[in-house]
């Protein structure tokens, strides 16, 4: 059964997926899971990252 499937695993840096990073931060801060059914329901940080991602703006993260 498994021999008929190809599995590809990849790594995505935090900078490459700021939407997921923002949602993970909100989830950790709230201590619970959440389901967002629309873009307007997203937390502000995730909504902003989503808008920038949709129009193709590269994400830049300051490392201190």
Protein backbone atom coordinates (compact mmCIF):
# COMPACT_ATOMS: atom_id res chain seq x y z
CA UNK A 1 0.00 0.00 0.00
CA UNK A 2 2.71 2.51 0.92
CA UNK A 3 4.88 1.62 -2.06
CA UNK A 4 2.31 3.31 -4.34
CA UNK A 5 2.71 6.69 -2.60
CA UNK A 6 5.51 9.20 -2.78
CA UNK A 7 6.15 11.22 0.34
CA UNK A 8 8.00 14.51 0.12
CA UNK A 9 9.06 16.31 3.26
CA UNK A 10 10.40 19.84 3.21
CA UNK A 11 11.44 22.48 5.69
CA UNK A 12 10.07 26.00 5.66
CA UNK A 13 11.89 28.70 7.61
CA UNK A 14 9.88 30.90 9.96
CA UNK A 15 10.55 33.89 7.74
CA UNK A 16 8.93 32.10 4.82
CA UNK A 17 5.64 31.52 6.60
CA UNK A 18 4.83 34.44 8.87
CA UNK A 19 1.11 33.66 8.81
CA UNK A 20 1.62 30.30 10.52
CA UNK A 21 4.19 31.81 12.87
CA UNK A 22 1.71 34.53 13.91
CA UNK A 23 -1.07 31.97 14.44
CA UNK A 24 1.25 29.76 16.51
CA UNK A 25 2.21 32.73 18.68
CA UNK A 26 -1.46 33.60 19.27
CA UNK A 27 -2.27 29.98 20.08
CA UNK A 28 0.58 29.77 22.59
CA UNK A 29 -0.38 33.06 24.21
CA UNK A 30 -4.05 32.05 24.52
CA UNK A 31 -3.30 28.47 25.50
CA UNK A 32 -6.01 27.07 23.24
CA UNK A 33 -6.71 26.12 19.65
CA UNK A 34 -8.76 28.25 17.31
CA UNK A 35 -10.52 27.81 13.99
CA UNK A 36 -10.77 30.84 11.74
CA UNK A 37 -13.42 30.59 9.05
CA UNK A 38 -12.58 33.82 7.26
CA UNK A 39 -9.68 36.17 6.78
CA UNK A 40 -11.43 38.87 8.80
CA UNK A 41 -11.61 36.49 11.78
CA UNK A 42 -7.82 36.09 11.87
CA UNK A 43 -5.84 37.84 14.60
CA UNK A 44 -4.41 41.19 13.39
CA UNK A 45 -0.80 39.94 13.14
CA UNK A 46 -1.81 36.95 11.01
CA UNK A 47 -4.18 39.05 8.89
CA UNK A 48 -1.42 41.53 8.07
CA UNK A 49 1.03 38.76 7.18
CA UNK A 50 -1.65 37.10 5.02
CA UNK A 51 -2.30 40.32 3.09
CA UNK A 52 1.40 40.82 2.42
CA UNK A 53 1.81 37.17 1.40
CA UNK A 54 -1.13 37.34 -1.02
CA UNK A 55 0.37 40.25 -2.94
CA UNK A 56 3.84 38.69 -2.98
CA UNK A 57 5.72 40.98 -0.61
CA UNK A 58 8.78 39.14 0.72
CA UNK A 59 8.94 38.76 4.49
CA UNK A 60 11.90 40.24 6.30
CA UNK A 61 12.60 39.44 9.92
CA UNK A 62 14.96 41.40 12.13
CA UNK A 63 17.31 39.19 14.11
CA UNK A 64 18.80 40.78 17.20
